Amino acid sequence: MGGSGPTVSSRTSQKLVQITLSNALDQSEKRLIDCGPNQSIRQVVVEAEMAPSSQFDVFSSVGEVVTDQPASMANGETLYVGPARIAGGSGLTISNIRDLAIDFPTILPVHDLIQNGQVQMFTIKVPASQGRTKNGFFHLAIHCPNPENQLPAAYVLNRDDVLKSAYITAGGSTGARYDFSSKKLPGTNKDAWWVCNGNYGPIYMSLTNDVVNRISGFINHIISVLNS
């Protein structure tokens, strides 16, 4: 019988396994998936439309990357879908996050994206002034796979709560030379709402080569942009 994918009979002739897929950035978003034991976990995620076909990783509850393992290895488990880990680490450590928490107490690393003690994405709630949101804050995901050499990208997670902000735009849509944002929230199939940082890159790179100072300056810049 022709065709590149498994037939219904070949799928149902195997004992299906169940995996719960959760969004690493929003763990209230969960789906229970029935899948063939020999499917790769990557395949399961793509077929469930939980992430794009590339540029994501899947993590176990202890942070192990299981993206290319067979589904049978995760039967009954909850797995977390997030941005792909970058080999070599980010240069932003857990200790740096603790330092940043002195000024930004709501900062939280995305635990599935911690590798060898280094953080590649974190979330943070920053104040919204003048009735700009329903709940008084912007909830952001900051993707920073290489903050020592590259400007991070800030994405708004609570877009539905935003009442006004001139600088929140669909990710990857402006065409500006400084727009390195993604159309989808990194590692997910959710539309990305990027905070347009303007031509802040040269300022960012001119800051002292201390990752805490750079990230702190970036966060303060984003707060200013959102409340402009």
N, C-alpha and C. Protein backbone atom coordinates (compact mmCIF):
# COMPACT_ATOMS: atom_id res chain seq x y z
N MET A 1 0.85 -1.19 0.00
CA MET A 1 0.00 0.00 0.00
C MET A 1 0.89 1.24 0.00
N GLY A 2 0.61 2.23 -0.86
CA GLY A 2 1.47 3.40 -1.00
C GLY A 2 1.28 4.39 0.12
N GLY A 3 2.02 5.50 0.03
CA GLY A 3 1.90 6.56 1.02
C GLY A 3 3.10 6.58 1.95
N SER A 4 3.46 7.79 2.41
CA SER A 4 4.66 7.91 3.23
C SER A 4 4.37 7.78 4.72
N GLY A 5 3.13 8.06 5.15
CA GLY A 5 2.81 8.01 6.57
C GLY A 5 2.23 6.68 6.96
N PRO A 6 2.12 6.40 8.27
CA PRO A 6 1.55 5.15 8.73
C PRO A 6 0.07 5.09 8.41
N THR A 7 -0.42 3.91 8.05
CA THR A 7 -1.85 3.74 7.79
C THR A 7 -2.57 3.64 9.12
N VAL A 8 -3.91 3.79 9.06
CA VAL A 8 -4.71 3.68 10.27
C VAL A 8 -4.50 2.32 10.92
N SER A 9 -4.46 1.26 10.08
CA SER A 9 -4.33 -0.09 10.63
C SER A 9 -2.98 -0.29 11.31
N SER A 10 -1.90 0.31 10.73
CA SER A 10 -0.59 0.14 11.35
C SER A 10 -0.49 0.88 12.66
N ARG A 11 -1.18 2.02 12.78
CA ARG A 11 -1.18 2.75 14.03
C ARG A 11 -1.97 2.00 15.09
N THR A 12 -3.14 1.48 14.71
CA THR A 12 -4.02 0.87 15.69
C THR A 12 -3.61 -0.55 16.03
N SER A 13 -2.75 -1.17 15.19
CA SER A 13 -2.29 -2.52 15.50
C SER A 13 -1.27 -2.51 16.63
N GLN A 14 -0.67 -1.36 16.89
CA GLN A 14 0.25 -1.22 18.00
C GLN A 14 -0.52 -0.72 19.22
N LYS A 15 -0.03 -1.04 20.39
CA LYS A 15 -0.63 -0.52 21.60
C LYS A 15 -0.19 0.93 21.76
N LEU A 16 -1.16 1.85 21.72
CA LEU A 16 -0.83 3.27 21.79
C LEU A 16 -0.31 3.62 23.18
N VAL A 17 0.52 4.63 23.23
CA VAL A 17 0.98 5.17 24.51
C VAL A 17 0.39 6.56 24.67
N GLN A 18 0.34 7.03 25.90
CA GLN A 18 -0.22 8.35 26.19
C GLN A 18 0.86 9.25 26.78
N ILE A 19 0.95 10.44 26.20
CA ILE A 19 1.90 11.44 26.68
C ILE A 19 1.13 12.74 26.88
N THR A 20 1.38 13.44 27.97
CA THR A 20 0.83 14.77 28.16
C THR A 20 1.87 15.79 27.73
N LEU A 21 1.51 16.64 26.78
CA LEU A 21 2.40 17.69 26.30
C LEU A 21 1.99 19.02 26.93
N SER A 22 2.95 19.73 27.47
CA SER A 22 2.70 21.01 28.11
C SER A 22 3.61 22.07 27.51
N ASN A 23 3.09 23.28 27.39
CA ASN A 23 3.90 24.41 26.93
C ASN A 23 4.82 24.84 28.07
N ALA A 24 6.12 24.85 27.84
CA ALA A 24 7.06 25.20 28.90
C ALA A 24 6.86 26.61 29.42
N LEU A 25 6.33 27.51 28.59
CA LEU A 25 6.12 28.89 29.01
C LEU A 25 4.77 29.10 29.67
N ASP A 26 3.81 28.24 29.38
CA ASP A 26 2.46 28.35 29.95
C ASP A 26 1.98 26.94 30.28
N GLN A 27 2.29 26.48 31.47
CA GLN A 27 2.04 25.09 31.80
C GLN A 27 0.57 24.79 32.07
N SER A 28 -0.29 25.82 31.96
CA SER A 28 -1.73 25.56 31.99
C SER A 28 -2.20 25.00 30.64
N GLU A 29 -1.37 25.18 29.61
CA GLU A 29 -1.69 24.65 28.28
C GLU A 29 -1.16 23.22 28.18
N LYS A 30 -2.06 22.26 28.34
CA LYS A 30 -1.66 20.85 28.31
C LYS A 30 -2.58 20.07 27.39
N ARG A 31 -2.03 19.04 26.75
CA ARG A 31 -2.83 18.16 25.90
C ARG A 31 -2.40 16.72 26.12
N LEU A 32 -3.40 15.84 26.30
CA LEU A 32 -3.13 14.41 26.42
C LEU A 32 -3.17 13.82 25.02
N ILE A 33 -2.07 13.19 24.61
CA ILE A 33 -1.91 12.70 23.24
C ILE A 33 -1.78 11.18 23.25
N ASP A 34 -2.57 10.51 22.39
CA ASP A 34 -2.38 9.09 22.11
C ASP A 34 -1.47 8.98 20.89
N CYS A 35 -0.43 8.18 20.98
CA CYS A 35 0.51 8.09 19.86
C CYS A 35 1.12 6.70 19.79
N GLY A 36 1.68 6.39 18.63
CA GLY A 36 2.34 5.11 18.43
C GLY A 36 3.63 5.04 19.22
N PRO A 37 3.97 3.89 19.78
CA PRO A 37 5.17 3.78 20.62
C PRO A 37 6.47 4.03 19.87
N ASN A 38 6.47 3.81 18.56
CA ASN A 38 7.70 3.98 17.79
C ASN A 38 7.84 5.36 17.16
N GLN A 39 6.82 6.21 17.32
CA GLN A 39 6.96 7.59 16.85
C GLN A 39 8.00 8.30 17.71
N SER A 40 8.76 9.19 17.09
CA SER A 40 9.65 10.02 17.90
C SER A 40 8.81 11.07 18.61
N ILE A 41 9.29 11.52 19.74
CA ILE A 41 8.58 12.56 20.47
C ILE A 41 8.51 13.83 19.64
N ARG A 42 9.53 14.10 18.84
CA ARG A 42 9.48 15.25 17.92
C ARG A 42 8.28 15.13 16.98
N GLN A 43 8.08 13.93 16.41
CA GLN A 43 6.95 13.69 15.51
C GLN A 43 5.64 13.95 16.21
N VAL A 44 5.52 13.46 17.43
CA VAL A 44 4.28 13.60 18.20
C VAL A 44 3.96 15.08 18.40
N VAL A 45 4.97 15.87 18.75
CA VAL A 45 4.77 17.30 19.00
C VAL A 45 4.33 18.02 17.73
N VAL A 46 5.00 17.72 16.61
CA VAL A 46 4.67 18.38 15.33
C VAL A 46 3.26 18.01 14.89
N GLU A 47 2.90 16.72 15.00
CA GLU A 47 1.56 16.28 14.58
C GLU A 47 0.48 16.89 15.47
N ALA A 48 0.81 17.13 16.74
CA ALA A 48 -0.14 17.76 17.66
C ALA A 48 -0.19 19.27 17.49
N GLU A 49 0.67 19.80 16.60
CA GLU A 49 0.76 21.24 16.32
C GLU A 49 1.05 22.04 17.59
N MET A 50 1.89 21.46 18.45
CA MET A 50 2.31 22.16 19.67
C MET A 50 3.55 23.01 19.43
N ALA A 51 4.21 22.82 18.29
CA ALA A 51 5.43 23.57 17.98
C ALA A 51 5.67 23.50 16.49
N PRO A 52 6.49 24.41 15.94
CA PRO A 52 6.85 24.33 14.53
C PRO A 52 7.66 23.07 14.26
N SER A 53 7.95 22.82 13.00
CA SER A 53 8.61 21.56 12.63
C SER A 53 10.07 21.52 13.04
N SER A 54 10.63 22.64 13.44
CA SER A 54 12.02 22.68 13.89
C SER A 54 12.14 23.74 14.97
N GLN A 55 13.33 23.93 15.48
CA GLN A 55 13.64 24.98 16.45
C GLN A 55 12.86 24.83 17.74
N PHE A 56 12.69 23.61 18.20
CA PHE A 56 12.12 23.38 19.52
C PHE A 56 12.80 22.17 20.12
N ASP A 57 12.66 22.04 21.42
CA ASP A 57 13.09 20.83 22.12
C ASP A 57 11.99 20.42 23.09
N VAL A 58 12.04 19.16 23.49
CA VAL A 58 11.08 18.62 24.44
C VAL A 58 11.87 18.12 25.65
N PHE A 59 11.35 18.43 26.84
CA PHE A 59 12.08 18.16 28.07
C PHE A 59 11.26 17.30 29.01
N SER A 60 11.95 16.44 29.74
CA SER A 60 11.30 15.65 30.78
C SER A 60 11.10 16.54 32.01
N SER A 61 10.45 15.98 33.03
CA SER A 61 10.19 16.74 34.25
C SER A 61 11.47 17.11 34.99
N VAL A 62 12.58 16.43 34.68
CA VAL A 62 13.85 16.77 35.33
C VAL A 62 14.77 17.57 34.40
N GLY A 63 14.22 18.05 33.27
CA GLY A 63 14.98 18.91 32.38
C GLY A 63 15.82 18.21 31.34
N GLU A 64 15.69 16.89 31.23
CA GLU A 64 16.45 16.15 30.21
C GLU A 64 15.82 16.36 28.84
N VAL A 65 16.65 16.58 27.82
CA VAL A 65 16.14 16.71 26.45
C VAL A 65 15.76 15.32 25.93
N VAL A 66 14.48 15.17 25.53
CA VAL A 66 13.98 13.87 25.06
C VAL A 66 13.41 13.97 23.66
N THR A 67 13.71 15.04 22.95
CA THR A 67 13.08 15.35 21.67
C THR A 67 13.11 14.19 20.69
N ASP A 68 14.22 13.50 20.58
CA ASP A 68 14.37 12.47 19.56
C ASP A 68 14.22 11.05 20.10
N GLN A 69 13.75 10.93 21.33
CA GLN A 69 13.50 9.60 21.88
C GLN A 69 12.17 9.06 21.36
N PRO A 70 11.98 7.73 21.36
CA PRO A 70 10.68 7.16 20.97
C PRO A 70 9.63 7.45 22.04
N ALA A 71 8.39 7.58 21.59
CA ALA A 71 7.30 7.89 22.51
C ALA A 71 7.16 6.85 23.61
N SER A 72 7.52 5.60 23.30
CA SER A 72 7.39 4.53 24.30
C SER A 72 8.20 4.81 25.56
N MET A 73 9.26 5.61 25.44
CA MET A 73 10.12 5.92 26.58
C MET A 73 9.46 6.91 27.54
N ALA A 74 8.35 7.54 27.11
CA ALA A 74 7.71 8.57 27.93
C ALA A 74 6.25 8.25 28.21
N ASN A 75 5.86 6.99 28.09
CA ASN A 75 4.47 6.60 28.31
C ASN A 75 4.01 7.04 29.70
N GLY A 76 2.90 7.79 29.74
CA GLY A 76 2.33 8.24 31.01
C GLY A 76 2.96 9.48 31.60
N GLU A 77 3.97 10.03 30.93
CA GLU A 77 4.68 11.18 31.48
C GLU A 77 4.14 12.50 30.93
N THR A 78 4.44 13.58 31.64
CA THR A 78 4.21 14.93 31.14
C THR A 78 5.53 15.48 30.62
N LEU A 79 5.52 15.93 29.38
CA LEU A 79 6.71 16.50 28.75
C LEU A 79 6.47 17.97 28.44
N TYR A 80 7.54 18.73 28.35
CA TYR A 80 7.44 20.18 28.22
C TYR A 80 8.10 20.63 26.92
N VAL A 81 7.34 21.36 26.11
CA VAL A 81 7.80 21.81 24.80
C VAL A 81 8.27 23.26 24.91
N GLY A 82 9.51 23.52 24.47
CA GLY A 82 10.04 24.87 24.56
C GLY A 82 11.07 25.13 23.49
N PRO A 83 11.68 26.32 23.49
CA PRO A 83 12.68 26.65 22.49
C PRO A 83 13.86 25.69 22.53
N ALA A 84 14.48 25.49 21.38
CA ALA A 84 15.63 24.59 21.30
C ALA A 84 16.77 25.09 22.17
N ARG A 85 17.40 24.17 22.87
CA ARG A 85 18.58 24.53 23.64
C ARG A 85 19.73 24.85 22.69
N ILE A 86 20.50 25.83 23.06
CA ILE A 86 21.66 26.22 22.27
C ILE A 86 22.90 25.58 22.87
N ALA A 87 23.65 24.87 22.05
CA ALA A 87 24.86 24.21 22.54
C ALA A 87 25.83 25.25 23.08
N GLY A 88 26.43 24.93 24.20
CA GLY A 88 27.43 25.82 24.77
C GLY A 88 26.89 26.75 25.83
N GLY A 89 25.58 26.88 25.94
CA GLY A 89 25.01 27.71 26.99
C GLY A 89 24.90 29.17 26.60
N SER A 90 24.22 29.94 27.47
CA SER A 90 23.88 31.31 27.13
C SER A 90 24.82 32.34 27.74
N GLY A 91 25.53 31.98 28.79
CA GLY A 91 26.32 32.96 29.51
C GLY A 91 25.55 33.64 30.62
N LEU A 92 24.22 33.39 30.70
CA LEU A 92 23.38 33.93 31.77
C LEU A 92 23.13 32.79 32.75
N THR A 93 23.67 32.90 33.95
CA THR A 93 23.61 31.80 34.90
C THR A 93 22.48 31.97 35.91
N ILE A 94 22.21 30.89 36.65
CA ILE A 94 21.22 30.95 37.73
C ILE A 94 21.64 32.01 38.75
N SER A 95 22.93 32.10 39.02
CA SER A 95 23.43 33.12 39.94
C SER A 95 23.12 34.52 39.42
N ASN A 96 23.26 34.73 38.10
CA ASN A 96 22.91 36.02 37.49
C ASN A 96 21.43 36.34 37.68
N ILE A 97 20.59 35.31 37.52
CA ILE A 97 19.14 35.51 37.70
C ILE A 97 18.86 35.96 39.13
N ARG A 98 19.55 35.37 40.10
CA ARG A 98 19.37 35.78 41.50
C ARG A 98 19.78 37.24 41.68
N ASP A 99 20.87 37.64 41.03
CA ASP A 99 21.29 39.05 41.11
C ASP A 99 20.24 39.97 40.49
N LEU A 100 19.70 39.56 39.35
CA LEU A 100 18.67 40.37 38.68
C LEU A 100 17.40 40.45 39.52
N ALA A 101 17.11 39.41 40.30
CA ALA A 101 15.89 39.37 41.11
C ALA A 101 15.89 40.43 42.20
N ILE A 102 17.05 40.99 42.53
CA ILE A 102 17.10 42.07 43.52
C ILE A 102 16.31 43.27 43.00
N ASP A 103 16.48 43.60 41.73
CA ASP A 103 15.76 44.72 41.12
C ASP A 103 14.47 44.29 40.44
N PHE A 104 14.40 43.01 40.04
CA PHE A 104 13.24 42.50 39.31
C PHE A 104 12.75 41.22 40.00
N PRO A 105 12.00 41.37 41.10
CA PRO A 105 11.66 40.20 41.93
C PRO A 105 10.76 39.18 41.26
N THR A 106 10.10 39.53 40.16
CA THR A 106 9.21 38.57 39.48
C THR A 106 9.93 37.74 38.42
N ILE A 107 11.23 37.93 38.27
CA ILE A 107 11.96 37.19 37.23
C ILE A 107 12.02 35.70 37.58
N LEU A 108 11.75 34.86 36.59
CA LEU A 108 11.77 33.41 36.78
C LEU A 108 12.41 32.76 35.56
N PRO A 109 13.42 31.93 35.75
CA PRO A 109 13.97 31.20 34.60
C PRO A 109 12.97 30.17 34.10
N VAL A 110 12.96 29.92 32.80
CA VAL A 110 12.19 28.80 32.26
C VAL A 110 13.04 27.55 32.52
N HIS A 111 12.61 26.76 33.49
CA HIS A 111 13.48 25.70 34.02
C HIS A 111 13.90 24.69 32.96
N ASP A 112 13.02 24.44 31.98
CA ASP A 112 13.36 23.46 30.95
C ASP A 112 14.47 23.97 30.04
N LEU A 113 14.73 25.28 30.11
CA LEU A 113 15.78 25.85 29.27
C LEU A 113 17.01 26.23 30.07
N ILE A 114 17.24 25.52 31.15
CA ILE A 114 18.48 25.67 31.91
C ILE A 114 19.40 24.52 31.53
N GLN A 115 20.58 24.86 31.08
CA GLN A 115 21.55 23.84 30.67
C GLN A 115 22.88 24.16 31.32
N ASN A 116 23.38 23.20 32.10
CA ASN A 116 24.65 23.39 32.80
C ASN A 116 24.63 24.68 33.62
N GLY A 117 23.48 24.96 34.24
CA GLY A 117 23.35 26.14 35.09
C GLY A 117 23.16 27.44 34.34
N GLN A 118 22.96 27.38 33.02
CA GLN A 118 22.80 28.59 32.22
C GLN A 118 21.38 28.69 31.66
N VAL A 119 20.86 29.91 31.66
CA VAL A 119 19.45 30.18 31.34
C VAL A 119 19.35 30.78 29.94
N GLN A 120 18.45 30.22 29.12
CA GLN A 120 18.28 30.73 27.76
C GLN A 120 16.96 31.47 27.56
N MET A 121 16.08 31.38 28.55
CA MET A 121 14.83 32.14 28.50
C MET A 121 14.34 32.33 29.92
N PHE A 122 13.75 33.51 30.18
CA PHE A 122 13.12 33.73 31.48
C PHE A 122 11.84 34.53 31.29
N THR A 123 10.98 34.48 32.29
CA THR A 123 9.77 35.29 32.27
C THR A 123 9.87 36.34 33.36
N ILE A 124 9.11 37.40 33.18
CA ILE A 124 9.15 38.51 34.14
C ILE A 124 7.86 39.31 34.00
N LYS A 125 7.37 39.83 35.12
CA LYS A 125 6.23 40.75 35.11
C LYS A 125 6.76 42.14 35.39
N VAL A 126 6.43 43.08 34.50
CA VAL A 126 6.90 44.46 34.66
C VAL A 126 5.70 45.39 34.75
N PRO A 127 5.83 46.50 35.47
CA PRO A 127 4.67 47.37 35.70
C PRO A 127 4.17 48.04 34.43
N ALA A 128 2.84 48.16 34.36
CA ALA A 128 2.19 48.88 33.26
C ALA A 128 1.56 50.14 33.84
N SER A 129 1.84 51.27 33.26
CA SER A 129 1.31 52.53 33.78
C SER A 129 0.09 52.98 33.00
N GLN A 130 -0.66 53.90 33.59
CA GLN A 130 -1.74 54.62 32.90
C GLN A 130 -2.77 53.68 32.26
N GLY A 131 -3.17 52.65 33.00
CA GLY A 131 -4.22 51.77 32.51
C GLY A 131 -3.89 51.06 31.21
N ARG A 132 -2.64 50.72 31.02
CA ARG A 132 -2.25 50.08 29.76
C ARG A 132 -2.64 48.61 29.71
N THR A 133 -2.82 47.97 30.86
CA THR A 133 -3.28 46.58 30.89
C THR A 133 -4.41 46.45 31.90
N LYS A 134 -5.14 45.35 31.80
CA LYS A 134 -6.26 45.11 32.71
C LYS A 134 -5.79 44.86 34.14
N ASN A 135 -4.60 44.28 34.28
CA ASN A 135 -4.16 43.85 35.60
C ASN A 135 -2.94 44.60 36.13
N GLY A 136 -2.52 45.63 35.41
CA GLY A 136 -1.45 46.48 35.93
C GLY A 136 -0.04 46.04 35.63
N PHE A 137 0.12 44.99 34.81
CA PHE A 137 1.48 44.57 34.47
C PHE A 137 1.52 43.94 33.08
N PHE A 138 2.70 43.94 32.50
CA PHE A 138 2.99 43.18 31.28
C PHE A 138 3.74 41.91 31.70
N HIS A 139 3.28 40.77 31.20
CA HIS A 139 3.96 39.50 31.47
C HIS A 139 4.79 39.17 30.24
N LEU A 140 6.08 39.09 30.41
CA LEU A 140 7.00 38.95 29.28
C LEU A 140 7.78 37.65 29.33
N ALA A 141 8.12 37.15 28.16
CA ALA A 141 9.13 36.10 28.02
C ALA A 141 10.32 36.75 27.32
N ILE A 142 11.49 36.62 27.90
CA ILE A 142 12.70 37.18 27.32
C ILE A 142 13.55 36.02 26.81
N HIS A 143 13.74 35.96 25.49
CA HIS A 143 14.54 34.90 24.88
C HIS A 143 15.95 35.44 24.71
N CYS A 144 16.90 34.80 25.37
CA CYS A 144 18.28 35.33 25.39
C CYS A 144 19.28 34.19 25.24
N PRO A 145 19.30 33.52 24.09
CA PRO A 145 20.21 32.39 23.93
C PRO A 145 21.68 32.77 23.92
N ASN A 146 21.99 34.04 23.65
CA ASN A 146 23.40 34.46 23.59
C ASN A 146 23.51 35.93 24.00
N PRO A 147 23.16 36.25 25.26
CA PRO A 147 23.06 37.66 25.65
C PRO A 147 24.38 38.39 25.71
N GLU A 148 25.50 37.66 25.71
CA GLU A 148 26.79 38.34 25.71
C GLU A 148 27.12 38.93 24.35
N ASN A 149 26.50 38.39 23.29
CA ASN A 149 26.85 38.81 21.93
C ASN A 149 25.66 39.21 21.07
N GLN A 150 24.46 39.07 21.61
CA GLN A 150 23.27 39.30 20.78
C GLN A 150 22.15 39.89 21.64
N LEU A 151 21.46 40.88 21.09
CA LEU A 151 20.34 41.50 21.79
C LEU A 151 19.24 40.47 22.04
N PRO A 152 18.73 40.37 23.27
CA PRO A 152 17.60 39.46 23.52
C PRO A 152 16.34 39.95 22.79
N ALA A 153 15.30 39.13 22.82
CA ALA A 153 13.99 39.50 22.27
C ALA A 153 12.96 39.36 23.37
N ALA A 154 12.08 40.36 23.49
CA ALA A 154 11.03 40.35 24.51
C ALA A 154 9.68 40.11 23.85
N TYR A 155 8.92 39.18 24.40
CA TYR A 155 7.59 38.83 23.88
C TYR A 155 6.56 38.98 24.99
N VAL A 156 5.40 39.52 24.64
CA VAL A 156 4.32 39.71 25.61
C VAL A 156 3.48 38.44 25.68
N LEU A 157 3.36 37.89 26.89
CA LEU A 157 2.58 36.67 27.08
C LEU A 157 1.11 36.96 27.37
N ASN A 158 0.81 38.11 27.98
CA ASN A 158 -0.58 38.43 28.33
C ASN A 158 -1.17 39.46 27.36
N ARG A 159 -1.01 39.20 26.07
CA ARG A 159 -1.48 40.15 25.04
C ARG A 159 -2.95 40.46 25.19
N ASP A 160 -3.77 39.50 25.60
CA ASP A 160 -5.21 39.73 25.73
C ASP A 160 -5.55 40.70 26.85
N ASP A 161 -4.61 40.92 27.77
CA ASP A 161 -4.85 41.86 28.87
C ASP A 161 -4.41 43.28 28.52
N VAL A 162 -3.73 43.44 27.39
CA VAL A 162 -3.18 44.75 27.03
C VAL A 162 -4.28 45.64 26.45
N LEU A 163 -4.43 46.83 27.02
CA LEU A 163 -5.43 47.78 26.54
C LEU A 163 -4.83 48.77 25.55
N LYS A 164 -3.58 49.15 25.76
CA LYS A 164 -2.93 50.04 24.79
C LYS A 164 -1.41 49.95 24.93
N SER A 165 -0.77 49.85 23.81
CA SER A 165 0.69 49.94 23.72
C SER A 165 1.05 50.03 22.25
N ALA A 166 1.74 51.07 21.91
CA ALA A 166 2.03 51.33 20.49
C ALA A 166 3.14 50.44 19.95
N TYR A 167 3.87 49.78 20.83
CA TYR A 167 5.09 49.11 20.38
C TYR A 167 5.05 47.60 20.53
N ILE A 168 3.86 47.03 20.66
CA ILE A 168 3.71 45.57 20.63
C ILE A 168 3.24 45.20 19.23
N THR A 169 3.99 44.37 18.57
CA THR A 169 3.68 44.04 17.18
C THR A 169 3.82 42.55 16.94
N ALA A 170 3.18 42.07 15.89
CA ALA A 170 3.32 40.65 15.54
C ALA A 170 4.79 40.34 15.28
N GLY A 171 5.28 39.26 15.83
CA GLY A 171 6.69 38.91 15.69
C GLY A 171 7.09 38.71 14.24
N GLY A 172 8.31 39.14 13.92
CA GLY A 172 8.87 38.93 12.58
C GLY A 172 8.16 39.64 11.46
N SER A 173 7.47 40.74 11.78
CA SER A 173 6.62 41.37 10.76
C SER A 173 7.05 42.76 10.34
N THR A 174 7.96 43.40 11.07
CA THR A 174 8.21 44.81 10.80
C THR A 174 9.12 45.05 9.60
N GLY A 175 10.01 44.11 9.31
CA GLY A 175 10.96 44.32 8.23
C GLY A 175 12.12 45.21 8.61
N ALA A 176 12.11 45.70 9.85
CA ALA A 176 13.20 46.57 10.31
C ALA A 176 14.49 45.76 10.43
N ARG A 177 15.61 46.41 10.18
CA ARG A 177 16.89 45.68 10.20
C ARG A 177 17.24 45.20 11.60
N TYR A 178 16.63 45.81 12.63
CA TYR A 178 16.90 45.37 14.00
C TYR A 178 15.86 44.37 14.50
N ASP A 179 14.93 43.96 13.64
CA ASP A 179 13.88 43.01 14.05
C ASP A 179 14.37 41.58 13.83
N PHE A 180 14.83 40.96 14.90
CA PHE A 180 15.25 39.56 14.84
C PHE A 180 14.24 38.66 15.55
N SER A 181 13.02 39.16 15.71
CA SER A 181 12.00 38.40 16.43
C SER A 181 11.46 37.26 15.58
N SER A 182 10.78 36.33 16.24
CA SER A 182 10.18 35.17 15.58
C SER A 182 8.69 35.39 15.39
N LYS A 183 8.14 34.80 14.33
CA LYS A 183 6.69 34.88 14.12
C LYS A 183 5.93 34.08 15.16
N LYS A 184 6.56 33.01 15.64
CA LYS A 184 5.96 32.20 16.70
C LYS A 184 6.80 32.35 17.96
N LEU A 185 6.15 32.31 19.11
CA LEU A 185 6.87 32.34 20.37
C LEU A 185 7.88 31.20 20.36
N PRO A 186 9.17 31.47 20.57
CA PRO A 186 10.19 30.44 20.40
C PRO A 186 9.84 29.11 21.06
N GLY A 187 9.91 28.06 20.24
CA GLY A 187 9.64 26.72 20.73
C GLY A 187 8.18 26.33 20.80
N THR A 188 7.28 27.22 20.32
CA THR A 188 5.85 26.92 20.37
C THR A 188 5.22 27.26 19.02
N ASN A 189 3.93 26.93 18.88
CA ASN A 189 3.18 27.34 17.70
C ASN A 189 2.28 28.53 18.00
N LYS A 190 2.50 29.19 19.13
CA LYS A 190 1.72 30.37 19.49
C LYS A 190 2.24 31.59 18.73
N ASP A 191 1.32 32.42 18.25
CA ASP A 191 1.74 33.67 17.62
C ASP A 191 2.54 34.50 18.63
N ALA A 192 3.62 35.08 18.15
CA ALA A 192 4.49 35.87 19.02
C ALA A 192 4.10 37.34 18.95
N TRP A 193 4.05 37.98 20.11
CA TRP A 193 3.81 39.42 20.19
C TRP A 193 5.09 40.06 20.73
N TRP A 194 5.83 40.64 19.81
CA TRP A 194 7.16 41.16 20.09
C TRP A 194 7.08 42.60 20.56
N VAL A 195 7.92 42.94 21.54
CA VAL A 195 8.07 44.33 21.94
C VAL A 195 9.16 44.94 21.07
N CYS A 196 8.77 45.89 20.23
CA CYS A 196 9.72 46.51 19.30
C CYS A 196 10.74 47.32 20.11
N ASN A 197 11.99 46.86 20.10
CA ASN A 197 13.02 47.50 20.91
C ASN A 197 13.72 48.65 20.20
N GLY A 198 13.30 48.94 18.95
CA GLY A 198 13.98 49.99 18.21
C GLY A 198 15.44 49.63 17.97
N ASN A 199 16.22 50.61 17.64
CA ASN A 199 17.64 50.35 17.32
C ASN A 199 18.47 50.38 18.61
N TYR A 200 18.09 49.50 19.55
CA TYR A 200 18.76 49.48 20.86
C TYR A 200 20.03 48.62 20.85
N GLY A 201 20.23 47.85 19.79
CA GLY A 201 21.36 46.94 19.73
C GLY A 201 22.70 47.59 20.00
N PRO A 202 23.05 48.70 19.33
CA PRO A 202 24.36 49.33 19.57
C PRO A 202 24.54 49.77 21.02
N ILE A 203 23.46 50.28 21.64
CA ILE A 203 23.55 50.68 23.05
C ILE A 203 23.79 49.45 23.92
N TYR A 204 23.04 48.40 23.64
CA TYR A 204 23.18 47.15 24.40
C TYR A 204 24.61 46.63 24.33
N MET A 205 25.16 46.60 23.14
CA MET A 205 26.50 46.04 22.96
C MET A 205 27.58 46.96 23.53
N SER A 206 27.26 48.24 23.72
CA SER A 206 28.24 49.17 24.27
C SER A 206 28.28 49.15 25.80
N LEU A 207 27.27 48.51 26.41
CA LEU A 207 27.27 48.39 27.87
C LEU A 207 28.42 47.51 28.31
N THR A 208 28.83 47.69 29.55
CA THR A 208 29.91 46.85 30.08
C THR A 208 29.61 45.38 29.81
N ASN A 209 30.63 44.62 29.53
CA ASN A 209 30.45 43.22 29.13
C ASN A 209 30.13 42.34 30.33
N ASP A 210 29.21 42.84 31.16
CA ASP A 210 28.70 42.09 32.31
C ASP A 210 27.26 41.74 32.00
N VAL A 211 26.94 40.44 31.97
CA VAL A 211 25.64 40.01 31.48
C VAL A 211 24.51 40.54 32.35
N VAL A 212 24.73 40.70 33.66
CA VAL A 212 23.69 41.23 34.54
C VAL A 212 23.38 42.68 34.17
N ASN A 213 24.42 43.49 33.95
CA ASN A 213 24.20 44.88 33.56
C ASN A 213 23.49 44.97 32.22
N ARG A 214 23.89 44.11 31.29
CA ARG A 214 23.27 44.15 29.96
C ARG A 214 21.79 43.77 30.03
N ILE A 215 21.48 42.67 30.72
CA ILE A 215 20.09 42.23 30.81
C ILE A 215 19.26 43.25 31.59
N SER A 216 19.83 43.80 32.66
CA SER A 216 19.13 44.82 33.44
C SER A 216 18.82 46.04 32.57
N GLY A 217 19.80 46.49 31.80
CA GLY A 217 19.57 47.61 30.89
C GLY A 217 18.51 47.30 29.86
N PHE A 218 18.52 46.07 29.33
CA PHE A 218 17.52 45.67 28.34
C PHE A 218 16.12 45.67 28.95
N ILE A 219 15.97 45.11 30.15
CA ILE A 219 14.65 45.07 30.79
C ILE A 219 14.14 46.49 31.02
N ASN A 220 15.00 47.37 31.53
CA ASN A 220 14.57 48.76 31.77
C ASN A 220 14.18 49.44 30.47
N HIS A 221 14.90 49.16 29.39
CA HIS A 221 14.54 49.72 28.09
C HIS A 221 13.17 49.23 27.65
N ILE A 222 12.90 47.94 27.81
CA ILE A 222 11.61 47.38 27.41
C ILE A 222 10.48 47.96 28.25
N ILE A 223 10.71 48.14 29.55
CA ILE A 223 9.69 48.77 30.41
C ILE A 223 9.37 50.16 29.90
N SER A 224 10.41 50.92 29.55
CA SER A 224 10.21 52.27 29.03
C SER A 224 9.43 52.26 27.72
N VAL A 225 9.78 51.34 26.82
CA VAL A 225 9.09 51.24 25.53
C VAL A 225 7.61 50.91 25.73
N LEU A 226 7.33 49.93 26.58
CA LEU A 226 5.94 49.50 26.78
C LEU A 226 5.08 50.60 27.39
N ASN A 227 5.69 51.47 28.18
CA ASN A 227 4.93 52.52 28.85
C ASN A 227 5.04 53.87 28.17
N SER A 228 5.58 53.88 26.95
CA SER A 228 5.71 55.14 26.19
C SER A 228 4.40 55.48 25.50
